[in-house]
C-alpha atoms as a PDB file:
ATOM      1  CA  UNK A   1     105.403 133.374  81.132  1.00  0.00           C
ATOM      2  CA  UNK A   2     108.602 135.349  80.791  1.00  0.00           C
ATOM      3  CA  UNK A   3     111.016 133.646  78.425  1.00  0.00           C
ATOM      4  CA  UNK A   4     114.080 132.173  80.145  1.00  0.00           C
ATOM      5  CA  UNK A   5     117.537 133.345  79.096  1.00  0.00           C
ATOM      6  CA  UNK A   6     118.256 130.029  77.349  1.00  0.00           C
ATOM      7  CA  UNK A   7     116.275 127.077  76.052  1.00  0.00           C
ATOM      8  CA  UNK A   8     117.708 124.638  78.620  1.00  0.00           C
ATOM      9  CA  UNK A   9     118.263 125.205  82.332  1.00  0.00           C
ATOM     10  CA  UNK A  10     119.886 123.531  85.295  1.00  0.00           C
ATOM     11  CA  UNK A  11     117.914 122.970  88.483  1.00  0.00           C
ATOM     12  CA  UNK A  12     119.583 125.960  90.160  1.00  0.00           C
ATOM     13  CA  UNK A  13     118.920 128.257  87.184  1.00  0.00           C
ATOM     14  CA  UNK A  14     115.331 127.048  86.981  1.00  0.00           C
ATOM     15  CA  UNK A  15     114.552 127.633  90.661  1.00  0.00           C
ATOM     16  CA  UNK A  16     115.993 131.157  90.508  1.00  0.00           C
ATOM     17  CA  UNK A  17     113.968 131.844  87.349  1.00  0.00           C
ATOM     18  CA  UNK A  18     110.748 130.311  88.747  1.00  0.00           C
ATOM     19  CA  UNK A  19     111.039 132.378  91.940  1.00  0.00           C
ATOM     20  CA  UNK A  20     110.958 135.530  89.777  1.00  0.00           C
ATOM     21  CA  UNK A  21     107.663 134.508  88.091  1.00  0.00           C
ATOM     22  CA  UNK A  22     104.232 135.619  89.358  1.00  0.00           C
ATOM     23  CA  UNK A  23     103.032 133.519  92.319  1.00  0.00           C
ATOM     24  CA  UNK A  24     100.000 132.404  90.330  1.00  0.00           C
ATOM     25  CA  UNK A  25     102.190 130.717  87.710  1.00  0.00           C
ATOM     26  CA  UNK A  26     103.769 127.312  88.346  1.00  0.00           C
ATOM     27  CA  UNK A  27     106.408 125.467  86.366  1.00  0.00           C
ATOM     28  CA  UNK A  28     108.456 122.307  86.459  1.00  0.00           C
ATOM     29  CA  UNK A  29     111.749 121.377  84.839  1.00  0.00           C
ATOM     30  CA  UNK A  30     111.914 118.098  82.904  1.00  0.00           C
ATOM     31  CA  UNK A  31     115.249 117.170  81.390  1.00  0.00           C
ATOM     32  CA  UNK A  32     116.291 120.820  81.379  1.00  0.00           C
ATOM     33  CA  UNK A  33     113.099 122.002  79.634  1.00  0.00           C
ATOM     34  CA  UNK A  34     110.557 124.277  81.338  1.00  0.00           C
ATOM     35  CA  UNK A  35     107.031 122.875  81.561  1.00  0.00           C
ATOM     36  CA  UNK A  36     104.193 125.284  82.399  1.00  0.00           C
ATOM     37  CA  UNK A  37     101.537 123.874  84.720  1.00  0.00           C
ATOM     38  CA  UNK A  38      97.917 124.493  83.773  1.00  0.00           C
ATOM     39  CA  UNK A  39      95.471 126.128  86.204  1.00  0.00           C
ATOM     40  CA  UNK A  40      93.720 123.643  88.500  1.00  0.00           C
ATOM     41  CA  UNK A  41      90.096 122.580  88.331  1.00  0.00           C
ATOM     42  CA  UNK A  42      88.034 122.601  91.539  1.00  0.00           C
ATOM     43  CA  UNK A  43      88.107 118.786  91.894  1.00  0.00           C
ATOM     44  CA  UNK A  44      91.902 118.839  91.678  1.00  0.00           C
ATOM     45  CA  UNK A  45      92.246 121.572  94.305  1.00  0.00           C
ATOM     46  CA  UNK A  46      89.703 119.900  96.641  1.00  0.00           C
ATOM     47  CA  UNK A  47      91.437 116.528  96.427  1.00  0.00           C
ATOM     48  CA  UNK A  48      94.826 118.063  97.076  1.00  0.00           C
ATOM     49  CA  UNK A  49      93.522 119.849 100.176  1.00  0.00           C
ATOM     50  CA  UNK A  50      91.737 116.774 101.538  1.00  0.00           C
ATOM     51  CA  UNK A  51      94.777 114.543 101.123  1.00  0.00           C
ATOM     52  CA  UNK A  52      97.118 117.078 102.707  1.00  0.00           C
ATOM     53  CA  UNK A  53      94.692 117.480 105.631  1.00  0.00           C
ATOM     54  CA  UNK A  54      94.532 113.714 106.147  1.00  0.00           C
ATOM     55  CA  UNK A  55      98.283 113.261 105.917  1.00  0.00           C
ATOM     56  CA  UNK A  56      98.819 116.067 108.441  1.00  0.00           C
ATOM     57  CA  UNK A  57      96.247 114.554 110.827  1.00  0.00           C
ATOM     58  CA  UNK A  58      97.820 111.089 110.491  1.00  0.00           C
ATOM     59  CA  UNK A  59     101.295 112.503 111.155  1.00  0.00           C
ATOM     60  CA  UNK A  60     100.024 114.445 114.175  1.00  0.00           C
ATOM     61  CA  UNK A  61      98.303 111.327 115.552  1.00  0.00           C
ATOM     62  CA  UNK A  62     101.546 109.335 115.447  1.00  0.00           C
ATOM     63  CA  UNK A  63     103.873 112.059 116.713  1.00  0.00           C
ATOM     64  CA  UNK A  64     106.322 111.410 113.893  1.00  0.00           C
ATOM     65  CA  UNK A  65     108.879 114.076 113.058  1.00  0.00           C
ATOM     66  CA  UNK A  66     107.360 114.579 109.617  1.00  0.00           C
ATOM     67  CA  UNK A  67     105.504 117.370 107.867  1.00  0.00           C
ATOM     68  CA  UNK A  68     103.054 117.447 104.960  1.00  0.00           C
ATOM     69  CA  UNK A  69     103.328 120.232 102.399  1.00  0.00           C
ATOM     70  CA  UNK A  70     100.761 121.218  99.801  1.00  0.00           C
ATOM     71  CA  UNK A  71     102.361 122.311  96.482  1.00  0.00           C
ATOM     72  CA  UNK A  72     105.009 124.971  96.400  1.00  0.00           C
ATOM     73  CA  UNK A  73     108.187 123.154  97.364  1.00  0.00           C
ATOM     74  CA  UNK A  74     110.432 122.131  94.505  1.00  0.00           C
ATOM     75  CA  UNK A  75     111.580 118.517  94.560  1.00  0.00           C
ATOM     76  CA  UNK A  76     114.996 118.384  92.921  1.00  0.00           C
ATOM     77  CA  UNK A  77     115.454 114.984  91.271  1.00  0.00           C
ATOM     78  CA  UNK A  78     118.720 115.820  89.520  1.00  0.00           C
ATOM     79  CA  UNK A  79     120.517 118.755  87.903  1.00  0.00           C
ATOM     80  CA  UNK A  80     117.922 119.037  85.096  1.00  0.00           C
ATOM     81  CA  UNK A  81     114.701 117.767  86.727  1.00  0.00           C
ATOM     82  CA  UNK A  82     112.612 119.673  89.276  1.00  0.00           C
ATOM     83  CA  UNK A  83     108.989 118.827  90.086  1.00  0.00           C
ATOM     84  CA  UNK A  84     106.376 120.554  92.214  1.00  0.00           C
ATOM     85  CA  UNK A  85     104.138 117.755  93.523  1.00  0.00           C
ATOM     86  CA  UNK A  86     100.610 118.477  94.689  1.00  0.00           C
ATOM     87  CA  UNK A  87     101.383 117.140  98.177  1.00  0.00           C
ATOM     88  CA  UNK A  88     104.489 115.698  99.776  1.00  0.00           C
ATOM     89  CA  UNK A  89     105.630 114.445 103.141  1.00  0.00           C
ATOM     90  CA  UNK A  90     109.122 115.003 104.433  1.00  0.00           C
ATOM     91  CA  UNK A  91     110.570 113.656 107.687  1.00  0.00           C
ATOM     92  CA  UNK A  92     113.539 114.864 109.683  1.00  0.00           C
ATOM     93  CA  UNK A  93     114.685 118.214 110.931  1.00  0.00           C
ATOM     94  CA  UNK A  94     112.145 120.948 110.129  1.00  0.00           C
ATOM     95  CA  UNK A  95     112.908 122.948 107.012  1.00  0.00           C
ATOM     96  CA  UNK A  96     114.104 126.513 107.266  1.00  0.00           C
ATOM     97  CA  UNK A  97     111.192 128.888 106.678  1.00  0.00           C
ATOM     98  CA  UNK A  98     112.818 130.202 103.501  1.00  0.00           C
ATOM     99  CA  UNK A  99     113.387 126.755 101.941  1.00  0.00           C
ATOM    100  CA  UNK A 100     111.960 126.347  98.429  1.00  0.00           C
ATOM    101  CA  UNK A 101     113.653 123.099  97.387  1.00  0.00           C
ATOM    102  CA  UNK A 102     114.108 119.633  98.819  1.00  0.00           C
ATOM    103  CA  UNK A 103     115.536 116.359  97.587  1.00  0.00           C
ATOM    104  CA  UNK A 104     114.320 114.003 100.329  1.00  0.00           C
ATOM    105  CA  UNK A 105     110.517 113.579 100.346  1.00  0.00           C
ATOM    106  CA  UNK A 106     109.287 110.184 101.551  1.00  0.00           C
ATOM    107  CA  UNK A 107     105.730 110.455 100.217  1.00  0.00           C
ATOM    108  CA  UNK A 108     104.835 112.213  96.974  1.00  0.00           C
ATOM    109  CA  UNK A 109     101.261 112.778  95.775  1.00  0.00           C
ATOM    110  CA  UNK A 110     100.150 113.873  92.326  1.00  0.00           C
ATOM    111  CA  UNK A 111      96.496 114.537  91.510  1.00  0.00           C
ATOM    112  CA  UNK A 112      96.006 113.491  87.895  1.00  0.00           C
ATOM    113  CA  UNK A 113      94.552 116.070  85.544  1.00  0.00           C
ATOM    114  CA  UNK A 114      93.740 115.762  81.868  1.00  0.00           C
ATOM    115  CA  UNK A 115      96.930 117.573  80.917  1.00  0.00           C
ATOM    116  CA  UNK A 116      99.271 115.661  83.286  1.00  0.00           C
ATOM    117  CA  UNK A 117      98.043 112.066  83.103  1.00  0.00           C
ATOM    118  CA  UNK A 118     100.883 110.825  80.893  1.00  0.00           C
ATOM    119  CA  UNK A 119     103.644 112.608  82.808  1.00  0.00           C
ATOM    120  CA  UNK A 120     102.283 111.709  86.264  1.00  0.00           C
ATOM    121  CA  UNK A 121     101.959 108.006  85.444  1.00  0.00           C
ATOM    122  CA  UNK A 122     105.111 107.712  83.314  1.00  0.00           C
ATOM    123  CA  UNK A 123     108.136 109.984  83.599  1.00  0.00           C
ATOM    124  CA  UNK A 124     107.328 111.255  87.096  1.00  0.00           C
ATOM    125  CA  UNK A 125     106.851 107.717  88.401  1.00  0.00           C
ATOM    126  CA  UNK A 126     110.318 106.790  87.183  1.00  0.00           C
ATOM    127  CA  UNK A 127     111.927 110.075  88.247  1.00  0.00           C
ATOM    128  CA  UNK A 128     110.466 110.252  91.763  1.00  0.00           C
ATOM    129  CA  UNK A 129     111.747 106.760  92.541  1.00  0.00           C
ATOM    130  CA  UNK A 130     115.234 107.820  91.431  1.00  0.00           C
ATOM    131  CA  UNK A 131     115.310 109.652  94.767  1.00  0.00           C
ATOM    132  CA  UNK A 132     116.345 107.107  97.429  1.00  0.00           C
ATOM    133  CA  UNK A 133     114.145 108.847 100.018  1.00  0.00           C
ATOM    134  CA  UNK A 134     110.866 108.290  98.112  1.00  0.00           C
ATOM    135  CA  UNK A 135     109.023 105.333  99.601  1.00  0.00           C
ATOM    136  CA  UNK A 136     105.485 106.053  98.386  1.00  0.00           C
ATOM    137  CA  UNK A 137     104.093 107.706  95.262  1.00  0.00           C
ATOM    138  CA  UNK A 138     100.330 108.199  95.238  1.00  0.00           C
ATOM    139  CA  UNK A 139      98.671 108.985  91.924  1.00  0.00           C
ATOM    140  CA  UNK A 140      95.157 110.231  92.623  1.00  0.00           C
ATOM    141  CA  UNK A 141      92.447 109.938  89.994  1.00  0.00           C
ATOM    142  CA  UNK A 142      89.986 112.158  91.867  1.00  0.00           C
ATOM    143  CA  UNK A 143      87.110 112.050  89.402  1.00  0.00           C
ATOM    144  CA  UNK A 144      87.125 108.234  89.523  1.00  0.00           C
ATOM    145  CA  UNK A 145      87.883 108.146  93.272  1.00  0.00           C
ATOM    146  CA  UNK A 146      90.881 105.878  92.716  1.00  0.00           C
ATOM    147  CA  UNK A 147      94.399 106.035  94.112  1.00  0.00           C
ATOM    148  CA  UNK A 148      97.284 104.158  92.545  1.00  0.00           C
ATOM    149  CA  UNK A 149      99.805 103.519  95.325  1.00  0.00           C
ATOM    150  CA  UNK A 150     103.364 102.770  94.250  1.00  0.00           C
ATOM    151  CA  UNK A 151     105.550 101.693  97.191  1.00  0.00           C
ATOM    152  CA  UNK A 152     109.253 100.904  97.371  1.00  0.00           C
ATOM    153  CA  UNK A 153     109.730  97.438  98.873  1.00  0.00           C
ATOM    154  CA  UNK A 154     112.891  95.852 100.260  1.00  0.00           C
ATOM    155  CA  UNK A 155     115.495  95.466  97.563  1.00  0.00           C
ATOM    156  CA  UNK A 156     114.130  98.461  95.650  1.00  0.00           C
ATOM    157  CA  UNK A 157     111.224  96.694  93.939  1.00  0.00           C
ATOM    158  CA  UNK A 158     108.243  98.978  93.319  1.00  0.00           C
ATOM    159  CA  UNK A 159     104.909  97.428  94.289  1.00  0.00           C
ATOM    160  CA  UNK A 160     101.672  98.850  92.926  1.00  0.00           C
ATOM    161  CA  UNK A 161      98.160  98.699  94.393  1.00  0.00           C
ATOM    162  CA  UNK A 162      94.980 100.223  93.009  1.00  0.00           C
ATOM    163  CA  UNK A 163      92.733 101.441  95.814  1.00  0.00           C
ATOM    164  CA  UNK A 164      89.101 102.425  95.568  1.00  0.00           C
ATOM    165  CA  UNK A 165      88.294 102.395  99.273  1.00  0.00           C
ATOM    166  CA  UNK A 166      89.773 101.549 102.624  1.00  0.00           C
ATOM    167  CA  UNK A 167      92.851 102.923 104.350  1.00  0.00           C
ATOM    168  CA  UNK A 168      96.237 103.373 102.710  1.00  0.00           C
ATOM    169  CA  UNK A 169      99.045 102.196 104.949  1.00  0.00           C
ATOM    170  CA  UNK A 170     102.191 104.238 104.415  1.00  0.00           C
ATOM    171  CA  UNK A 171     104.819 102.345 106.370  1.00  0.00           C
ATOM    172  CA  UNK A 172     107.435 103.571 106.748  1.00  0.00           C
ATOM    173  CA  UNK A 173     106.948 106.184 108.143  1.00  0.00           C
ATOM    174  CA  UNK A 174     104.018 104.507 109.925  1.00  0.00           C
ATOM    175  CA  UNK A 175     100.891 106.483 109.052  1.00  0.00           C
ATOM    176  CA  UNK A 176      97.491 105.477 107.728  1.00  0.00           C
ATOM    177  CA  UNK A 177      95.700 107.666 105.207  1.00  0.00           C
ATOM    178  CA  UNK A 178      91.943 107.193 105.478  1.00  0.00           C
ATOM    179  CA  UNK A 179      89.133 108.474 103.283  1.00  0.00           C
ATOM    180  CA  UNK A 180      91.207 110.856 101.131  1.00  0.00           C
ATOM    181  CA  UNK A 181      88.194 111.992  99.101  1.00  0.00           C
ATOM    182  CA  UNK A 182      85.989 113.104 102.003  1.00  0.00           C
ATOM    183  CA  UNK A 183      86.169 116.626 103.448  1.00  0.00           C
ATOM    184  CA  UNK A 184      85.681 115.241 106.975  1.00  0.00           C
ATOM    185  CA  UNK A 185      88.889 114.172 108.710  1.00  0.00           C
ATOM    186  CA  UNK A 186      88.757 110.644 110.064  1.00  0.00           C
ATOM    187  CA  UNK A 187      91.643 108.420 111.123  1.00  0.00           C
ATOM    188  CA  UNK A 188      92.206 104.794 112.062  1.00  0.00           C
ATOM    189  CA  UNK A 189      95.107 103.885 114.289  1.00  0.00           C
END
């Protein structure tokens, strides 16, 4: 990792700096501090791919104007916090092909790893829901085949469900995520 010019960065400075790093290196910005992301294990990468595939299939089946993205886009929470979730869904006008940052995901997915468990279940949970657009935050514990689904209810209350099987209803926007741990795409409508 090349050392940044200063110890603390703004979101804009961070994104410019991160874009200059090798494509194989990934970083996030938490409270102005750069956080290096560890390489992924196979289970992590598989789970991320399966969930993105299922979300894309569910979106396609409903005809919603949404798109699923697998890591790479920066989610700007505020001027000192930028995350790169494993998977996200964004609805609305399609992004420009050169876009690298967004601030309006509706579904955010993090696959828990040994090194990110505390951040994914603590600070990121709080920070993602600071964005008014976020309606669902899925924390995937792939090795245990468990998904913790945090959903914004009316009035802003966050409801939490722990799912070990069955479909996950993500409404709004009106999609159903089925069998996120299986490599075979299957959907219920």
